[in-house]
Amino acid sequence: MQVRRPAVWLVVVALIALRCSAPLPVNIGSITDHATLVSDWAGDFMELGPIGVGAVLADRVRREARLDLDDLLAATPSGIGPRLWGKAVGAGGATITPFALCWAALLGYLSTKHGAGVIPVGVEVFAAVILPGLVFVTAFSLTVPFLTGAALFRLGLFGYWIWGNMVGPDYGIPTPAGTPFEAIGEYPTGAWFHGFMFDARERGWNATTADAVISIAFLLLTALAALATTQFVLTRRSPS
């Protein structure tokens, strides 16, 4: 049902379109190297797109309660764990669908300009640069709202995403932006696809394969930890 919600499509697509209407770097259209071209477009997708994914997922928990589905789900043979992880895969995958289709449309367009070689590169970039960040956002969007509610989580997600991924070290504010612990995928971009690394460059760091692996592993392991911790807490609270 999540994929049928108009808000899922409107919010995610609108934020991607807003950022890609003025891409960085500004001369991205003159880039001819397929890896650099596609990875820099991925950076534009990741600047605002994940905020949309998190925003529309945040009300999933409270929405089920409003629809009186909690008791119905509790009466099924499946436990809290399968329901939580199933929700992460199902609702998360449905919410990522507009993101993936926008990416596919971009690859189709780029292939008409630069040849079909951009398509396999685009699949690799999606897996290494885009997907880990979306998994990270999905996991926290389905867990933190149990504690904060949807509205406060959305505000916190917006603040975190801007601070942790787009406010570089030159601002003088402590931030993970430009380190392997940011969620925007800058290190896989620089290490594997010759893309621009704006914040890491401000720190004087050059991405290596080890940095890229650390960045991806951090996002995926943190997402798993958020889901596992929520499952543990909900199981302890369950009267059964």
C-alpha atoms as a PDB file:
ATOM      1  CA  MET A   1       0.000   0.000   0.000  1.00  0.00           C
ATOM      2  CA  GLN A   2       2.901   2.347   0.697  1.00  0.00           C
ATOM      3  CA  VAL A   3       3.875   2.561  -2.956  1.00  0.00           C
ATOM      4  CA  ARG A   4       0.329   3.710  -3.825  1.00  0.00           C
ATOM      5  CA  ARG A   5       0.409   6.727  -1.508  1.00  0.00           C
ATOM      6  CA  PRO A   6       0.559   9.941  -3.575  1.00  0.00           C
ATOM      7  CA  ALA A   7       2.699  11.587  -0.889  1.00  0.00           C
ATOM      8  CA  VAL A   8       5.443   9.022  -1.400  1.00  0.00           C
ATOM      9  CA  TRP A   9       5.780   9.993  -5.049  1.00  0.00           C
ATOM     10  CA  LEU A  10       5.173  13.713  -4.680  1.00  0.00           C
ATOM     11  CA  VAL A  11       7.603  14.330  -1.838  1.00  0.00           C
ATOM     12  CA  VAL A  12      10.464  12.133  -3.031  1.00  0.00           C
ATOM     13  CA  VAL A  13      10.270  13.148  -6.696  1.00  0.00           C
ATOM     14  CA  ALA A  14       9.820  16.838  -5.859  1.00  0.00           C
ATOM     15  CA  LEU A  15      12.935  16.954  -3.655  1.00  0.00           C
ATOM     16  CA  ILE A  16      15.038  15.136  -6.240  1.00  0.00           C
ATOM     17  CA  ALA A  17      13.802  17.448  -8.996  1.00  0.00           C
ATOM     18  CA  LEU A  18      14.419  20.527  -6.854  1.00  0.00           C
ATOM     19  CA  ARG A  19      18.070  19.643  -6.291  1.00  0.00           C
ATOM     20  CA  CYS A  20      18.745  18.352  -9.799  1.00  0.00           C
ATOM     21  CA  SER A  21      17.358  21.513 -11.353  1.00  0.00           C
ATOM     22  CA  ALA A  22      20.656  23.162 -10.337  1.00  0.00           C
ATOM     23  CA  PRO A  23      23.189  20.312 -10.228  1.00  0.00           C
ATOM     24  CA  LEU A  24      26.641  20.450  -8.684  1.00  0.00           C
ATOM     25  CA  PRO A  25      29.163  20.770 -10.157  1.00  0.00           C
ATOM     26  CA  VAL A  26      27.563  23.394 -12.355  1.00  0.00           C
ATOM     27  CA  ASN A  27      29.455  22.124 -15.425  1.00  0.00           C
ATOM     28  CA  ILE A  28      28.232  18.558 -14.933  1.00  0.00           C
ATOM     29  CA  GLY A  29      26.898  18.485 -18.495  1.00  0.00           C
ATOM     30  CA  SER A  30      30.437  18.818 -19.879  1.00  0.00           C
ATOM     31  CA  ILE A  31      31.781  15.754 -18.064  1.00  0.00           C
ATOM     32  CA  THR A  32      32.477  12.880 -20.436  1.00  0.00           C
ATOM     33  CA  ASP A  33      33.844  10.171 -18.108  1.00  0.00           C
ATOM     34  CA  HIS A  34      30.909   7.878 -17.388  1.00  0.00           C
ATOM     35  CA  ALA A  35      31.859   7.091 -13.793  1.00  0.00           C
ATOM     36  CA  THR A  36      32.435  10.726 -12.875  1.00  0.00           C
ATOM     37  CA  LEU A  37      29.283  11.885 -14.639  1.00  0.00           C
ATOM     38  CA  VAL A  38      26.968   9.335 -13.043  1.00  0.00           C
ATOM     39  CA  SER A  39      28.474   9.564  -9.552  1.00  0.00           C
ATOM     40  CA  ASP A  40      28.136  13.339  -9.527  1.00  0.00           C
ATOM     41  CA  TRP A  41      24.481  13.031 -10.462  1.00  0.00           C
ATOM     42  CA  ALA A  42      24.178  10.565  -7.556  1.00  0.00           C
ATOM     43  CA  GLY A  43      25.530  13.264  -5.264  1.00  0.00           C
ATOM     44  CA  ASP A  44      22.754  15.590  -6.407  1.00  0.00           C
ATOM     45  CA  PHE A  45      20.131  12.886  -5.828  1.00  0.00           C
ATOM     46  CA  MET A  46      21.457  12.259  -2.320  1.00  0.00           C
ATOM     47  CA  GLU A  47      21.488  15.863  -1.156  1.00  0.00           C
ATOM     48  CA  LEU A  48      17.718  16.123  -0.637  1.00  0.00           C
ATOM     49  CA  GLY A  49      16.136  12.871  -1.846  1.00  0.00           C
ATOM     50  CA  PRO A  50      16.726  10.838   1.348  1.00  0.00           C
ATOM     51  CA  ILE A  51      14.972  13.528   3.382  1.00  0.00           C
ATOM     52  CA  GLY A  52      11.846  12.813   1.350  1.00  0.00           C
ATOM     53  CA  VAL A  53      12.186   9.060   1.896  1.00  0.00           C
ATOM     54  CA  GLY A  54      12.473   9.537   5.648  1.00  0.00           C
ATOM     55  CA  ALA A  55       9.678  12.084   5.816  1.00  0.00           C
ATOM     56  CA  VAL A  56       7.063   9.837   4.216  1.00  0.00           C
ATOM     57  CA  LEU A  57       8.155   6.772   6.202  1.00  0.00           C
ATOM     58  CA  ALA A  58       8.120   8.530   9.560  1.00  0.00           C
ATOM     59  CA  ASP A  59       4.367   8.282  10.094  1.00  0.00           C
ATOM     60  CA  ARG A  60       4.227   4.553   9.354  1.00  0.00           C
ATOM     61  CA  VAL A  61       4.226   3.561  13.035  1.00  0.00           C
ATOM     62  CA  ARG A  62       1.564   6.012  14.181  1.00  0.00           C
ATOM     63  CA  ARG A  63      -0.461   5.448  11.005  1.00  0.00           C
ATOM     64  CA  GLU A  64      -0.883   1.772  11.823  1.00  0.00           C
ATOM     65  CA  ALA A  65      -2.041   2.729  15.302  1.00  0.00           C
ATOM     66  CA  ARG A  66      -4.584   5.211  13.894  1.00  0.00           C
ATOM     67  CA  LEU A  67      -5.955   2.512  11.611  1.00  0.00           C
ATOM     68  CA  ASP A  68      -6.293   0.146  14.608  1.00  0.00           C
ATOM     69  CA  LEU A  69      -3.943  -2.347  12.992  1.00  0.00           C
ATOM     70  CA  ASP A  70      -1.781  -2.944  16.062  1.00  0.00           C
ATOM     71  CA  ASP A  71      -4.132  -5.406  17.726  1.00  0.00           C
ATOM     72  CA  LEU A  72      -4.801  -7.128  14.408  1.00  0.00           C
ATOM     73  CA  LEU A  73      -1.101  -7.568  13.723  1.00  0.00           C
ATOM     74  CA  ALA A  74      -0.465  -8.743  17.276  1.00  0.00           C
ATOM     75  CA  ALA A  75      -3.051 -11.487  16.773  1.00  0.00           C
ATOM     76  CA  THR A  76      -1.156 -12.972  13.834  1.00  0.00           C
ATOM     77  CA  PRO A  77       1.329 -15.826  14.348  1.00  0.00           C
ATOM     78  CA  SER A  78       4.264 -13.624  13.341  1.00  0.00           C
ATOM     79  CA  GLY A  79       6.155 -11.985  16.161  1.00  0.00           C
ATOM     80  CA  ILE A  80       7.364  -8.438  16.657  1.00  0.00           C
ATOM     81  CA  GLY A  81      10.676  -9.119  14.941  1.00  0.00           C
ATOM     82  CA  PRO A  82       9.319 -10.445  11.627  1.00  0.00           C
ATOM     83  CA  ARG A  83       6.771  -7.624  11.497  1.00  0.00           C
ATOM     84  CA  LEU A  84       9.424  -4.964  12.108  1.00  0.00           C
ATOM     85  CA  TRP A  85      11.929  -6.380   9.633  1.00  0.00           C
ATOM     86  CA  GLY A  86       9.193  -7.085   7.117  1.00  0.00           C
ATOM     87  CA  LYS A  87       8.081  -3.485   7.412  1.00  0.00           C
ATOM     88  CA  ALA A  88      11.640  -2.311   6.822  1.00  0.00           C
ATOM     89  CA  VAL A  89      11.918  -4.401   3.659  1.00  0.00           C
ATOM     90  CA  GLY A  90       8.375  -3.861   2.372  1.00  0.00           C
ATOM     91  CA  ALA A  91       7.573  -0.269   3.312  1.00  0.00           C
ATOM     92  CA  GLY A  92      11.191   0.774   2.852  1.00  0.00           C
ATOM     93  CA  GLY A  93      11.395  -0.801  -0.586  1.00  0.00           C
ATOM     94  CA  ALA A  94       8.104   0.777  -1.621  1.00  0.00           C
ATOM     95  CA  THR A  95       9.268   4.221  -0.513  1.00  0.00           C
ATOM     96  CA  ILE A  96      12.589   3.835  -2.314  1.00  0.00           C
ATOM     97  CA  THR A  97      10.752   2.866  -5.531  1.00  0.00           C
ATOM     98  CA  PRO A  98      10.170   6.474  -6.747  1.00  0.00           C
ATOM     99  CA  PHE A  99      13.831   7.206  -6.006  1.00  0.00           C
ATOM    100  CA  ALA A 100      14.937   4.179  -8.033  1.00  0.00           C
ATOM    101  CA  LEU A 101      12.632   5.034 -10.931  1.00  0.00           C
ATOM    102  CA  CYS A 102      13.935   8.609 -11.046  1.00  0.00           C
ATOM    103  CA  TRP A 103      17.454   7.189 -11.150  1.00  0.00           C
ATOM    104  CA  ALA A 104      16.485   4.802 -13.964  1.00  0.00           C
ATOM    105  CA  ALA A 105      14.951   7.694 -15.897  1.00  0.00           C
ATOM    106  CA  LEU A 106      18.150   9.708 -15.478  1.00  0.00           C
ATOM    107  CA  LEU A 107      20.264   6.798 -16.718  1.00  0.00           C
ATOM    108  CA  GLY A 108      17.977   6.440 -19.715  1.00  0.00           C
ATOM    109  CA  TYR A 109      18.402  10.119 -20.523  1.00  0.00           C
ATOM    110  CA  LEU A 110      22.188  10.039 -20.031  1.00  0.00           C
ATOM    111  CA  SER A 111      22.459   6.963 -22.228  1.00  0.00           C
ATOM    112  CA  THR A 112      20.970   8.932 -25.126  1.00  0.00           C
ATOM    113  CA  LYS A 113      23.643  11.599 -24.665  1.00  0.00           C
ATOM    114  CA  HIS A 114      26.700   9.548 -23.689  1.00  0.00           C
ATOM    115  CA  GLY A 115      26.009   5.995 -24.809  1.00  0.00           C
ATOM    116  CA  ALA A 116      24.701   2.848 -23.155  1.00  0.00           C
ATOM    117  CA  GLY A 117      27.884   2.512 -21.097  1.00  0.00           C
ATOM    118  CA  VAL A 118      26.406   4.762 -18.431  1.00  0.00           C
ATOM    119  CA  ILE A 119      23.787   2.141 -17.517  1.00  0.00           C
ATOM    120  CA  PRO A 120      26.044  -0.523 -15.922  1.00  0.00           C
ATOM    121  CA  VAL A 121      28.006   2.240 -14.205  1.00  0.00           C
ATOM    122  CA  GLY A 122      24.719   3.688 -12.966  1.00  0.00           C
ATOM    123  CA  VAL A 123      23.700   0.358 -11.444  1.00  0.00           C
ATOM    124  CA  GLU A 124      27.024   0.162  -9.616  1.00  0.00           C
ATOM    125  CA  VAL A 125      26.706   3.741  -8.385  1.00  0.00           C
ATOM    126  CA  PHE A 126      23.177   3.089  -7.138  1.00  0.00           C
ATOM    127  CA  ALA A 127      24.348   0.049  -5.170  1.00  0.00           C
ATOM    128  CA  ALA A 128      27.479   1.641  -3.702  1.00  0.00           C
ATOM    129  CA  VAL A 129      26.582   5.317  -3.293  1.00  0.00           C
ATOM    130  CA  ILE A 130      22.799   5.656  -3.091  1.00  0.00           C
ATOM    131  CA  LEU A 131      21.419   2.474  -1.558  1.00  0.00           C
ATOM    132  CA  PRO A 132      23.437   2.417   1.707  1.00  0.00           C
ATOM    133  CA  GLY A 133      22.259   5.925   2.587  1.00  0.00           C
ATOM    134  CA  LEU A 134      18.651   5.052   1.792  1.00  0.00           C
ATOM    135  CA  VAL A 135      18.838   1.899   3.928  1.00  0.00           C
ATOM    136  CA  PHE A 136      20.248   4.018   6.766  1.00  0.00           C
ATOM    137  CA  VAL A 137      17.437   6.562   6.511  1.00  0.00           C
ATOM    138  CA  THR A 138      14.774   3.859   6.178  1.00  0.00           C
ATOM    139  CA  ALA A 139      15.894   2.044   9.313  1.00  0.00           C
ATOM    140  CA  PHE A 140      15.826   5.157  11.476  1.00  0.00           C
ATOM    141  CA  SER A 141      12.559   6.375   9.943  1.00  0.00           C
ATOM    142  CA  LEU A 142      10.838   3.158  11.071  1.00  0.00           C
ATOM    143  CA  THR A 143      12.348   3.071  14.543  1.00  0.00           C
ATOM    144  CA  VAL A 144      12.994   6.528  16.009  1.00  0.00           C
ATOM    145  CA  PRO A 145       9.355   7.696  15.522  1.00  0.00           C
ATOM    146  CA  PHE A 146       8.343   5.073  18.113  1.00  0.00           C
ATOM    147  CA  LEU A 147      10.013   7.429  20.593  1.00  0.00           C
ATOM    148  CA  THR A 148       9.651  10.897  19.080  1.00  0.00           C
ATOM    149  CA  GLY A 149       6.590  10.788  16.860  1.00  0.00           C
ATOM    150  CA  ALA A 150       6.619  11.619  13.158  1.00  0.00           C
ATOM    151  CA  ALA A 151       6.708  15.430  13.285  1.00  0.00           C
ATOM    152  CA  LEU A 152       9.696  15.689  15.624  1.00  0.00           C
ATOM    153  CA  PHE A 153      11.556  12.990  13.714  1.00  0.00           C
ATOM    154  CA  ARG A 154      11.078  14.819  10.409  1.00  0.00           C
ATOM    155  CA  LEU A 155      12.468  18.000  11.923  1.00  0.00           C
ATOM    156  CA  GLY A 156      15.410  16.088  13.387  1.00  0.00           C
ATOM    157  CA  LEU A 157      16.077  14.274  10.119  1.00  0.00           C
ATOM    158  CA  PHE A 158      16.150  17.524   8.173  1.00  0.00           C
ATOM    159  CA  GLY A 159      18.537  19.091  10.686  1.00  0.00           C
ATOM    160  CA  TYR A 160      20.788  16.037  10.812  1.00  0.00           C
ATOM    161  CA  TRP A 161      20.935  15.654   7.038  1.00  0.00           C
ATOM    162  CA  ILE A 162      21.904  19.262   6.431  1.00  0.00           C
ATOM    163  CA  TRP A 163      24.368  19.378   9.344  1.00  0.00           C
ATOM    164  CA  GLY A 164      25.849  15.920   8.902  1.00  0.00           C
ATOM    165  CA  ASN A 165      26.180  15.877   5.130  1.00  0.00           C
ATOM    166  CA  MET A 166      26.060  19.368   3.659  1.00  0.00           C
ATOM    167  CA  VAL A 167      27.624  21.703   6.240  1.00  0.00           C
ATOM    168  CA  GLY A 168      31.308  21.281   5.491  1.00  0.00           C
ATOM    169  CA  PRO A 169      34.204  21.710   7.917  1.00  0.00           C
ATOM    170  CA  ASP A 170      34.956  25.199   6.589  1.00  0.00           C
ATOM    171  CA  TYR A 171      31.903  26.418   8.515  1.00  0.00           C
ATOM    172  CA  GLY A 172      33.765  25.739  11.760  1.00  0.00           C
ATOM    173  CA  ILE A 173      31.013  23.524  13.155  1.00  0.00           C
ATOM    174  CA  PRO A 174      31.843  19.972  14.300  1.00  0.00           C
ATOM    175  CA  THR A 175      30.215  17.707  11.737  1.00  0.00           C
ATOM    176  CA  PRO A 176      30.683  14.248  10.180  1.00  0.00           C
ATOM    177  CA  ALA A 177      30.435  15.857   6.723  1.00  0.00           C
ATOM    178  CA  GLY A 178      33.553  15.047   4.762  1.00  0.00           C
ATOM    179  CA  THR A 179      34.358  11.962   6.849  1.00  0.00           C
ATOM    180  CA  PRO A 180      33.588   8.292   6.124  1.00  0.00           C
ATOM    181  CA  PHE A 181      30.745   8.583   8.646  1.00  0.00           C
ATOM    182  CA  GLU A 182      28.560  10.859   6.564  1.00  0.00           C
ATOM    183  CA  ALA A 183      25.487   9.330   4.896  1.00  0.00           C
ATOM    184  CA  ILE A 184      25.594  11.001   1.507  1.00  0.00           C
ATOM    185  CA  GLY A 185      28.023   8.557  -0.123  1.00  0.00           C
ATOM    186  CA  GLU A 186      30.893  10.905  -0.860  1.00  0.00           C
ATOM    187  CA  TYR A 187      33.637   8.370  -0.099  1.00  0.00           C
ATOM    188  CA  PRO A 188      32.443   5.589  -2.443  1.00  0.00           C
ATOM    189  CA  THR A 189      31.967   8.333  -5.041  1.00  0.00           C
ATOM    190  CA  GLY A 190      35.554   9.494  -4.759  1.00  0.00           C
ATOM    191  CA  ALA A 191      37.226   6.125  -4.222  1.00  0.00           C
ATOM    192  CA  TRP A 192      35.526   4.109  -6.960  1.00  0.00           C
ATOM    193  CA  PHE A 193      33.924   6.504  -9.443  1.00  0.00           C
ATOM    194  CA  HIS A 194      36.284   9.507  -9.674  1.00  0.00           C
ATOM    195  CA  GLY A 195      33.559  11.856  -8.454  1.00  0.00           C
ATOM    196  CA  PHE A 196      33.986  15.206  -6.756  1.00  0.00           C
ATOM    197  CA  MET A 197      34.461  15.158  -2.980  1.00  0.00           C
ATOM    198  CA  PHE A 198      33.555  18.616  -1.748  1.00  0.00           C
ATOM    199  CA  ASP A 199      33.627  18.239   2.040  1.00  0.00           C
ATOM    200  CA  ALA A 200      36.368  15.604   2.163  1.00  0.00           C
ATOM    201  CA  ARG A 201      38.525  17.860   0.005  1.00  0.00           C
ATOM    202  CA  GLU A 202      38.042  20.647   2.559  1.00  0.00           C
ATOM    203  CA  ARG A 203      39.479  18.269   5.154  1.00  0.00           C
ATOM    204  CA  GLY A 204      42.381  17.423   2.862  1.00  0.00           C
ATOM    205  CA  TRP A 205      41.378  13.753   2.644  1.00  0.00           C
ATOM    206  CA  ASN A 206      41.574  11.528  -0.416  1.00  0.00           C
ATOM    207  CA  ALA A 207      39.196   8.585  -0.445  1.00  0.00           C
ATOM    208  CA  THR A 208      40.635   5.082  -0.559  1.00  0.00           C
ATOM    209  CA  THR A 209      38.890   1.771  -1.043  1.00  0.00           C
ATOM    210  CA  ALA A 210      39.186   1.164   2.703  1.00  0.00           C
ATOM    211  CA  ASP A 211      37.482   4.500   3.416  1.00  0.00           C
ATOM    212  CA  ALA A 212      34.645   3.634   1.033  1.00  0.00           C
ATOM    213  CA  VAL A 213      34.146   0.213   2.642  1.00  0.00           C
ATOM    214  CA  ILE A 214      34.150   1.773   6.113  1.00  0.00           C
ATOM    215  CA  SER A 215      31.577   4.352   5.015  1.00  0.00           C
ATOM    216  CA  ILE A 216      29.203   1.742   3.569  1.00  0.00           C
ATOM    217  CA  ALA A 217      29.702  -0.648   6.492  1.00  0.00           C
ATOM    218  CA  PHE A 218      29.000   2.132   8.992  1.00  0.00           C
ATOM    219  CA  LEU A 219      25.682   2.995   7.357  1.00  0.00           C
ATOM    220  CA  LEU A 220      24.506  -0.608   7.014  1.00  0.00           C
ATOM    221  CA  LEU A 221      25.622  -1.719  10.480  1.00  0.00           C
ATOM    222  CA  THR A 222      24.066   1.350  12.083  1.00  0.00           C
ATOM    223  CA  ALA A 223      20.804   0.615  10.283  1.00  0.00           C
ATOM    224  CA  LEU A 224      20.876  -3.004  11.493  1.00  0.00           C
ATOM    225  CA  ALA A 225      21.629  -1.843  15.021  1.00  0.00           C
ATOM    226  CA  ALA A 226      18.656   0.553  14.999  1.00  0.00           C
ATOM    227  CA  LEU A 227      16.266  -2.186  13.894  1.00  0.00           C
ATOM    228  CA  ALA A 228      17.707  -4.794  16.261  1.00  0.00           C
ATOM    229  CA  THR A 229      17.546  -2.411  19.232  1.00  0.00           C
ATOM    230  CA  THR A 230      13.944  -1.491  18.447  1.00  0.00           C
ATOM    231  CA  GLN A 231      12.999  -5.155  18.156  1.00  0.00           C
ATOM    232  CA  PHE A 232      14.580  -5.853  21.546  1.00  0.00           C
ATOM    233  CA  VAL A 233      12.807  -2.947  23.239  1.00  0.00           C
ATOM    234  CA  LEU A 234       9.408  -3.748  21.723  1.00  0.00           C
ATOM    235  CA  THR A 235       9.762  -7.415  22.649  1.00  0.00           C
ATOM    236  CA  ARG A 236      10.550  -6.515  26.236  1.00  0.00           C
ATOM    237  CA  ARG A 237       7.524  -4.206  26.381  1.00  0.00           C
ATOM    238  CA  SER A 238       5.178  -6.759  24.841  1.00  0.00           C
ATOM    239  CA  PRO A 239       2.847  -8.354  27.424  1.00  0.00           C
ATOM    240  CA  SER A 240       3.202 -11.704  25.684  1.00  0.00           C
END
